[in-house]
Amino acid sequence: MSFGPRQEYRLSGSGGQGLQLAAVILAEAATAIGKEVVQTQSYGPEARGGASRSEVIISDWPIDFPELESPDVTLCL
């Protein structure tokens, strides 16, 4: 999947659904093929069931602004 030199992904859902792990796997896969990557995560204090969000930015060039501007892909569980 290719959207251009910068791709932004947002994964959101409930804690315990594997969103954080999915984001880490996506980020590591992009790093393995030589891309620049930023991965952030946010979650509540609950072990399971609380709000969970992870964001991944993948770029061909160094990432100067590590926040999502306009996600290319949003996954909501």
PDB file of N, CA and C in Angstrom:
ATOM      1  N   MET A   1       0.855  -1.174   0.000  1.00  0.00           N
ATOM      2  CA  MET A   1       0.000   0.000   0.000  1.00  0.00           C
ATOM      3  C   MET A   1       0.896   1.229   0.000  1.00  0.00           C
ATOM      4  N   SER A   2       0.667   2.133  -0.894  1.00  0.00           N
ATOM      5  CA  SER A   2       1.488   3.329  -0.976  1.00  0.00           C
ATOM      6  C   SER A   2       0.610   4.541  -1.241  1.00  0.00           C
ATOM      7  N   PHE A   3       0.759   5.558  -0.409  1.00  0.00           N
ATOM      8  CA  PHE A   3      -0.022   6.780  -0.546  1.00  0.00           C
ATOM      9  C   PHE A   3       0.855   7.976  -0.882  1.00  0.00           C
ATOM     10  N   GLY A   4       2.145   7.816  -0.892  1.00  0.00           N
ATOM     11  CA  GLY A   4       3.048   8.923  -1.130  1.00  0.00           C
ATOM     12  C   GLY A   4       4.226   8.850  -0.181  1.00  0.00           C
ATOM     13  N   PRO A   5       4.988   9.926  -0.104  1.00  0.00           N
ATOM     14  CA  PRO A   5       6.196   9.902   0.708  1.00  0.00           C
ATOM     15  C   PRO A   5       5.929   9.858   2.213  1.00  0.00           C
ATOM     16  N   ARG A   6       4.730  10.261   2.662  1.00  0.00           N
ATOM     17  CA  ARG A   6       4.388  10.225   4.088  1.00  0.00           C
ATOM     18  C   ARG A   6       3.031   9.544   4.239  1.00  0.00           C
ATOM     19  N   GLN A   7       3.001   8.504   5.061  1.00  0.00           N
ATOM     20  CA  GLN A   7       1.764   7.768   5.307  1.00  0.00           C
ATOM     21  C   GLN A   7       1.459   7.823   6.796  1.00  0.00           C
ATOM     22  N   GLU A   8       0.206   8.072   7.137  1.00  0.00           N
ATOM     23  CA  GLU A   8      -0.203   8.208   8.530  1.00  0.00           C
ATOM     24  C   GLU A   8      -1.303   7.201   8.842  1.00  0.00           C
ATOM     25  N   TYR A   9      -1.140   6.507   9.963  1.00  0.00           N
ATOM     26  CA  TYR A   9      -2.085   5.479  10.383  1.00  0.00           C
ATOM     27  C   TYR A   9      -2.545   5.774  11.806  1.00  0.00           C
ATOM     28  N   ARG A  10      -3.849   5.665  12.051  1.00  0.00           N
ATOM     29  CA  ARG A  10      -4.402   5.792  13.403  1.00  0.00           C
ATOM     30  C   ARG A  10      -5.174   4.511  13.708  1.00  0.00           C
ATOM     31  N   LEU A  11      -4.846   3.886  14.835  1.00  0.00           N
ATOM     32  CA  LEU A  11      -5.528   2.683  15.289  1.00  0.00           C
ATOM     33  C   LEU A  11      -6.174   3.014  16.623  1.00  0.00           C
ATOM     34  N   SER A  12      -7.468   2.779  16.756  1.00  0.00           N
ATOM     35  CA  SER A  12      -8.135   3.116  18.011  1.00  0.00           C
ATOM     36  C   SER A  12      -9.162   2.059  18.372  1.00  0.00           C
ATOM     37  N   GLY A  13      -9.366   1.901  19.665  1.00  0.00           N
ATOM     38  CA  GLY A  13     -10.326   0.924  20.157  1.00  0.00           C
ATOM     39  C   GLY A  13     -10.221   0.806  21.662  1.00  0.00           C
ATOM     40  N   SER A  14     -10.463  -0.388  22.166  1.00  0.00           N
ATOM     41  CA  SER A  14     -10.412  -0.650  23.600  1.00  0.00           C
ATOM     42  C   SER A  14      -9.129  -1.385  23.951  1.00  0.00           C
ATOM     43  N   GLY A  15      -8.648  -1.156  25.164  1.00  0.00           N
ATOM     44  CA  GLY A  15      -7.454  -1.843  25.635  1.00  0.00           C
ATOM     45  C   GLY A  15      -7.650  -3.354  25.607  1.00  0.00           C
ATOM     46  N   GLY A  16      -6.598  -4.080  25.247  1.00  0.00           N
ATOM     47  CA  GLY A  16      -6.666  -5.531  25.192  1.00  0.00           C
ATOM     48  C   GLY A  16      -6.965  -6.083  23.811  1.00  0.00           C
ATOM     49  N   GLN A  17      -7.202  -5.215  22.827  1.00  0.00           N
ATOM     50  CA  GLN A  17      -7.509  -5.673  21.469  1.00  0.00           C
ATOM     51  C   GLN A  17      -6.259  -5.848  20.607  1.00  0.00           C
ATOM     52  N   GLY A  18      -5.104  -5.501  21.118  1.00  0.00           N
ATOM     53  CA  GLY A  18      -3.868  -5.680  20.369  1.00  0.00           C
ATOM     54  C   GLY A  18      -3.483  -4.514  19.481  1.00  0.00           C
ATOM     55  N   LEU A  19      -4.092  -3.357  19.693  1.00  0.00           N
ATOM     56  CA  LEU A  19      -3.786  -2.196  18.849  1.00  0.00           C
ATOM     57  C   LEU A  19      -2.350  -1.719  19.019  1.00  0.00           C
ATOM     58  N   GLN A  20      -1.863  -1.694  20.253  1.00  0.00           N
ATOM     59  CA  GLN A  20      -0.493  -1.241  20.494  1.00  0.00           C
ATOM     60  C   GLN A  20       0.499  -2.181  19.806  1.00  0.00           C
ATOM     61  N   LEU A  21       0.261  -3.478  19.938  1.00  0.00           N
ATOM     62  CA  LEU A  21       1.135  -4.460  19.290  1.00  0.00           C
ATOM     63  C   LEU A  21       1.072  -4.333  17.770  1.00  0.00           C
ATOM     64  N   ALA A  22      -0.116  -4.146  17.223  1.00  0.00           N
ATOM     65  CA  ALA A  22      -0.257  -3.985  15.771  1.00  0.00           C
ATOM     66  C   ALA A  22       0.529  -2.776  15.275  1.00  0.00           C
ATOM     67  N   ALA A  23       0.484  -1.681  16.026  1.00  0.00           N
ATOM     68  CA  ALA A  23       1.221  -0.475  15.638  1.00  0.00           C
ATOM     69  C   ALA A  23       2.726  -0.706  15.698  1.00  0.00           C
ATOM     70  N   VAL A  24       3.189  -1.408  16.723  1.00  0.00           N
ATOM     71  CA  VAL A  24       4.620  -1.704  16.841  1.00  0.00           C
ATOM     72  C   VAL A  24       5.069  -2.597  15.683  1.00  0.00           C
ATOM     73  N   ILE A  25       4.274  -3.593  15.340  1.00  0.00           N
ATOM     74  CA  ILE A  25       4.620  -4.481  14.222  1.00  0.00           C
ATOM     75  C   ILE A  25       4.664  -3.702  12.910  1.00  0.00           C
ATOM     76  N   LEU A  26       3.686  -2.831  12.681  1.00  0.00           N
ATOM     77  CA  LEU A  26       3.675  -1.992  11.479  1.00  0.00           C
ATOM     78  C   LEU A  26       4.920  -1.108  11.424  1.00  0.00           C
ATOM     79  N   ALA A  27       5.260  -0.489  12.553  1.00  0.00           N
ATOM     80  CA  ALA A  27       6.432   0.391  12.608  1.00  0.00           C
ATOM     81  C   ALA A  27       7.724  -0.385  12.369  1.00  0.00           C
ATOM     82  N   GLU A  28       7.854  -1.556  12.972  1.00  0.00           N
ATOM     83  CA  GLU A  28       9.067  -2.356  12.786  1.00  0.00           C
ATOM     84  C   GLU A  28       9.190  -2.862  11.351  1.00  0.00           C
ATOM     85  N   ALA A  29       8.067  -3.205  10.729  1.00  0.00           N
ATOM     86  CA  ALA A  29       8.103  -3.653   9.332  1.00  0.00           C
ATOM     87  C   ALA A  29       8.566  -2.524   8.416  1.00  0.00           C
ATOM     88  N   ALA A  30       8.078  -1.313   8.661  1.00  0.00           N
ATOM     89  CA  ALA A  30       8.494  -0.167   7.846  1.00  0.00           C
ATOM     90  C   ALA A  30       9.973   0.150   8.064  1.00  0.00           C
ATOM     91  N   THR A  31      10.427   0.037   9.304  1.00  0.00           N
ATOM     92  CA  THR A  31      11.843   0.269   9.601  1.00  0.00           C
ATOM     93  C   THR A  31      12.716  -0.760   8.884  1.00  0.00           C
ATOM     94  N   ALA A  32      12.243  -1.988   8.819  1.00  0.00           N
ATOM     95  CA  ALA A  32      13.010  -3.063   8.185  1.00  0.00           C
ATOM     96  C   ALA A  32      13.236  -2.829   6.692  1.00  0.00           C
ATOM     97  N   ILE A  33      12.355  -2.061   6.050  1.00  0.00           N
ATOM     98  CA  ILE A  33      12.558  -1.782   4.620  1.00  0.00           C
ATOM     99  C   ILE A  33      13.153  -0.389   4.390  1.00  0.00           C
ATOM    100  N   GLY A  34      13.683   0.211   5.464  1.00  0.00           N
ATOM    101  CA  GLY A  34      14.427   1.454   5.321  1.00  0.00           C
ATOM    102  C   GLY A  34      13.640   2.742   5.421  1.00  0.00           C
ATOM    103  N   LYS A  35      12.420   2.690   5.919  1.00  0.00           N
ATOM    104  CA  LYS A  35      11.607   3.905   6.052  1.00  0.00           C
ATOM    105  C   LYS A  35      11.904   4.605   7.377  1.00  0.00           C
ATOM    106  N   GLU A  36      11.598   5.886   7.431  1.00  0.00           N
ATOM    107  CA  GLU A  36      11.630   6.655   8.674  1.00  0.00           C
ATOM    108  C   GLU A  36      10.281   6.438   9.359  1.00  0.00           C
ATOM    109  N   VAL A  37      10.287   6.225  10.677  1.00  0.00           N
ATOM    110  CA  VAL A  37       9.051   5.874  11.374  1.00  0.00           C
ATOM    111  C   VAL A  37       8.950   6.580  12.719  1.00  0.00           C
ATOM    112  N   VAL A  38       7.727   7.023  13.045  1.00  0.00           N
ATOM    113  CA  VAL A  38       7.387   7.502  14.386  1.00  0.00           C
ATOM    114  C   VAL A  38       6.150   6.732  14.816  1.00  0.00           C
ATOM    115  N   GLN A  39       6.185   6.172  16.031  1.00  0.00           N
ATOM    116  CA  GLN A  39       5.033   5.445  16.561  1.00  0.00           C
ATOM    117  C   GLN A  39       4.733   5.983  17.953  1.00  0.00           C
ATOM    118  N   THR A  40       3.480   6.395  18.179  1.00  0.00           N
ATOM    119  CA  THR A  40       3.070   6.887  19.495  1.00  0.00           C
ATOM    120  C   THR A  40       1.871   6.078  19.959  1.00  0.00           C
ATOM    121  N   GLN A  41       1.676   6.068  21.281  1.00  0.00           N
ATOM    122  CA  GLN A  41       0.535   5.350  21.826  1.00  0.00           C
ATOM    123  C   GLN A  41      -0.033   6.078  23.024  1.00  0.00           C
ATOM    124  N   SER A  42      -1.321   5.887  23.215  1.00  0.00           N
ATOM    125  CA  SER A  42      -2.029   6.512  24.321  1.00  0.00           C
ATOM    126  C   SER A  42      -3.077   5.527  24.817  1.00  0.00           C
ATOM    127  N   TYR A  43      -3.125   5.341  26.121  1.00  0.00           N
ATOM    128  CA  TYR A  43      -4.110   4.412  26.673  1.00  0.00           C
ATOM    129  C   TYR A  43      -4.424   4.793  28.106  1.00  0.00           C
ATOM    130  N   GLY A  44      -5.573   4.358  28.566  1.00  0.00           N
ATOM    131  CA  GLY A  44      -6.020   4.656  29.919  1.00  0.00           C
ATOM    132  C   GLY A  44      -5.357   3.747  30.943  1.00  0.00           C
ATOM    133  N   PRO A  45      -5.629   3.983  32.225  1.00  0.00           N
ATOM    134  CA  PRO A  45      -4.995   3.200  33.284  1.00  0.00           C
ATOM    135  C   PRO A  45      -5.558   1.782  33.429  1.00  0.00           C
ATOM    136  N   GLU A  46      -6.676   1.495  32.785  1.00  0.00           N
ATOM    137  CA  GLU A  46      -7.275   0.173  32.892  1.00  0.00           C
ATOM    138  C   GLU A  46      -6.427  -0.859  32.151  1.00  0.00           C
ATOM    139  N   ALA A  47      -6.383  -2.075  32.672  1.00  0.00           N
ATOM    140  CA  ALA A  47      -5.634  -3.145  32.004  1.00  0.00           C
ATOM    141  C   ALA A  47      -6.343  -3.578  30.724  1.00  0.00           C
ATOM    142  N   ARG A  48      -7.663  -3.624  30.771  1.00  0.00           N
ATOM    143  CA  ARG A  48      -8.456  -3.997  29.596  1.00  0.00           C
ATOM    144  C   ARG A  48      -9.722  -3.158  29.573  1.00  0.00           C
ATOM    145  N   GLY A  49     -10.176  -2.833  28.375  1.00  0.00           N
ATOM    146  CA  GLY A  49     -11.457  -2.157  28.238  1.00  0.00           C
ATOM    147  C   GLY A  49     -11.412  -0.646  28.180  1.00  0.00           C
ATOM    148  N   GLY A  50     -10.311  -0.031  28.578  1.00  0.00           N
ATOM    149  CA  GLY A  50     -10.202   1.426  28.505  1.00  0.00           C
ATOM    150  C   GLY A  50      -9.875   1.882  27.093  1.00  0.00           C
ATOM    151  N   ALA A  51      -9.973   3.166  26.872  1.00  0.00           N
ATOM    152  CA  ALA A  51      -9.661   3.723  25.551  1.00  0.00           C
ATOM    153  C   ALA A  51      -8.192   3.488  25.205  1.00  0.00           C
ATOM    154  N   SER A  52      -7.938   3.144  23.961  1.00  0.00           N
ATOM    155  CA  SER A  52      -6.585   2.870  23.486  1.00  0.00           C
ATOM    156  C   SER A  52      -6.428   3.452  22.089  1.00  0.00           C
ATOM    157  N   ARG A  53      -5.285   4.105  21.867  1.00  0.00           N
ATOM    158  CA  ARG A  53      -5.029   4.689  20.548  1.00  0.00           C
ATOM    159  C   ARG A  53      -3.537   4.591  20.249  1.00  0.00           C
ATOM    160  N   SER A  54      -3.226   4.310  19.021  1.00  0.00           N
ATOM    161  CA  SER A  54      -1.842   4.288  18.581  1.00  0.00           C
ATOM    162  C   SER A  54      -1.766   4.925  17.202  1.00  0.00           C
ATOM    163  N   GLU A  55      -0.692   5.644  16.963  1.00  0.00           N
ATOM    164  CA  GLU A  55      -0.506   6.321  15.681  1.00  0.00           C
ATOM    165  C   GLU A  55       0.869   5.981  15.127  1.00  0.00           C
ATOM    166  N   VAL A  56       0.935   5.787  13.822  1.00  0.00           N
ATOM    167  CA  VAL A  56       2.191   5.466  13.147  1.00  0.00           C
ATOM    168  C   VAL A  56       2.332   6.388  11.944  1.00  0.00           C
ATOM    169  N   ILE A  57       3.500   6.996  11.820  1.00  0.00           N
ATOM    170  CA  ILE A  57       3.839   7.798  10.646  1.00  0.00           C
ATOM    171  C   ILE A  57       5.017   7.121   9.965  1.00  0.00           C
ATOM    172  N   ILE A  58       4.885   6.873   8.675  1.00  0.00           N
ATOM    173  CA  ILE A  58       5.935   6.245   7.881  1.00  0.00           C
ATOM    174  C   ILE A  58       6.278   7.202   6.751  1.00  0.00           C
ATOM    175  N   SER A  59       7.584   7.453   6.571  1.00  0.00           N
ATOM    176  CA  SER A  59       7.993   8.431   5.571  1.00  0.00           C
ATOM    177  C   SER A  59       9.261   7.988   4.858  1.00  0.00           C
ATOM    178  N   ASP A  60       9.408   8.489   3.637  1.00  0.00           N
ATOM    179  CA  ASP A  60      10.645   8.275   2.892  1.00  0.00           C
ATOM    180  C   ASP A  60      11.750   9.207   3.379  1.00  0.00           C
ATOM    181  N   TRP A  61      11.380  10.309   4.021  1.00  0.00           N
ATOM    182  CA  TRP A  61      12.328  11.315   4.487  1.00  0.00           C
ATOM    183  C   TRP A  61      12.224  11.481   5.995  1.00  0.00           C
ATOM    184  N   PRO A  62      13.203  12.133   6.626  1.00  0.00           N
ATOM    185  CA  PRO A  62      13.114  12.374   8.070  1.00  0.00           C
ATOM    186  C   PRO A  62      11.799  13.069   8.439  1.00  0.00           C
ATOM    187  N   ILE A  63      11.235  12.684   9.562  1.00  0.00           N
ATOM    188  CA  ILE A  63       9.941  13.202  10.007  1.00  0.00           C
ATOM    189  C   ILE A  63      10.193  14.388  10.929  1.00  0.00           C
ATOM    190  N   ASP A  64       9.821  15.589  10.471  1.00  0.00           N
ATOM    191  CA  ASP A  64      10.082  16.790  11.264  1.00  0.00           C
ATOM    192  C   ASP A  64       8.921  17.162  12.182  1.00  0.00           C
ATOM    193  N   PHE A  65       7.731  16.643  11.916  1.00  0.00           N
ATOM    194  CA  PHE A  65       6.560  16.920  12.754  1.00  0.00           C
ATOM    195  C   PHE A  65       5.921  15.578  13.107  1.00  0.00           C
ATOM    196  N   PRO A  66       6.173  15.068  14.331  1.00  0.00           N
ATOM    197  CA  PRO A  66       5.751  13.703  14.668  1.00  0.00           C
ATOM    198  C   PRO A  66       4.301  13.559  15.133  1.00  0.00           C
ATOM    199  N   GLU A  67       3.415  14.401  14.665  1.00  0.00           N
ATOM    200  CA  GLU A  67       1.988  14.298  14.986  1.00  0.00           C
ATOM    201  C   GLU A  67       1.219  14.063  13.689  1.00  0.00           C
ATOM    202  N   LEU A  68       0.115  13.322  13.785  1.00  0.00           N
ATOM    203  CA  LEU A  68      -0.711  13.095  12.604  1.00  0.00           C
ATOM    204  C   LEU A  68      -1.335  14.402  12.140  1.00  0.00           C
ATOM    205  N   GLU A  69      -1.266  14.649  10.851  1.00  0.00           N
ATOM    206  CA  GLU A  69      -1.901  15.828  10.269  1.00  0.00           C
ATOM    207  C   GLU A  69      -3.225  15.442   9.616  1.00  0.00           C
ATOM    208  N   SER A  70      -3.218  14.340   8.875  1.00  0.00           N
ATOM    209  CA  SER A  70      -4.419  13.850   8.198  1.00  0.00           C
ATOM    210  C   SER A  70      -4.222  12.355   7.934  1.00  0.00           C
ATOM    211  N   PRO A  71      -4.766  11.486   8.788  1.00  0.00           N
ATOM    212  CA  PRO A  71      -4.509  10.047   8.643  1.00  0.00           C
ATOM    213  C   PRO A  71      -4.947   9.503   7.278  1.00  0.00           C
ATOM    214  N   ASP A  72      -4.082   8.697   6.678  1.00  0.00           N
ATOM    215  CA  ASP A  72      -4.419   8.016   5.430  1.00  0.00           C
ATOM    216  C   ASP A  72      -5.279   6.786   5.714  1.00  0.00           C
ATOM    217  N   VAL A  73      -5.028   6.154   6.860  1.00  0.00           N
ATOM    218  CA  VAL A  73      -5.768   4.962   7.262  1.00  0.00           C
ATOM    219  C   VAL A  73      -6.178   5.119   8.718  1.00  0.00           C
ATOM    220  N   THR A  74      -7.454   4.861   9.012  1.00  0.00           N
ATOM    221  CA  THR A  74      -7.947   4.852  10.388  1.00  0.00           C
ATOM    222  C   THR A  74      -8.610   3.506  10.637  1.00  0.00           C
ATOM    223  N   LEU A  75      -8.134   2.805  11.662  1.00  0.00           N
ATOM    224  CA  LEU A  75      -8.707   1.521  12.046  1.00  0.00           C
ATOM    225  C   LEU A  75      -9.404   1.705  13.383  1.00  0.00           C
ATOM    226  N   CYS A  76     -10.698   1.476  13.418  1.00  0.00           N
ATOM    227  CA  CYS A  76     -11.484   1.605  14.651  1.00  0.00           C
ATOM    228  C   CYS A  76     -12.059   0.244  15.000  1.00  0.00           C
ATOM    229  N   LEU A  77     -11.759  -0.214  16.207  1.00  0.00           N
ATOM    230  CA  LEU A  77     -12.297  -1.504  16.663  1.00  0.00           C
ATOM    231  C   LEU A  77     -13.296  -1.288  17.778  1.00  0.00           C
TER     232      LEU A  77
END
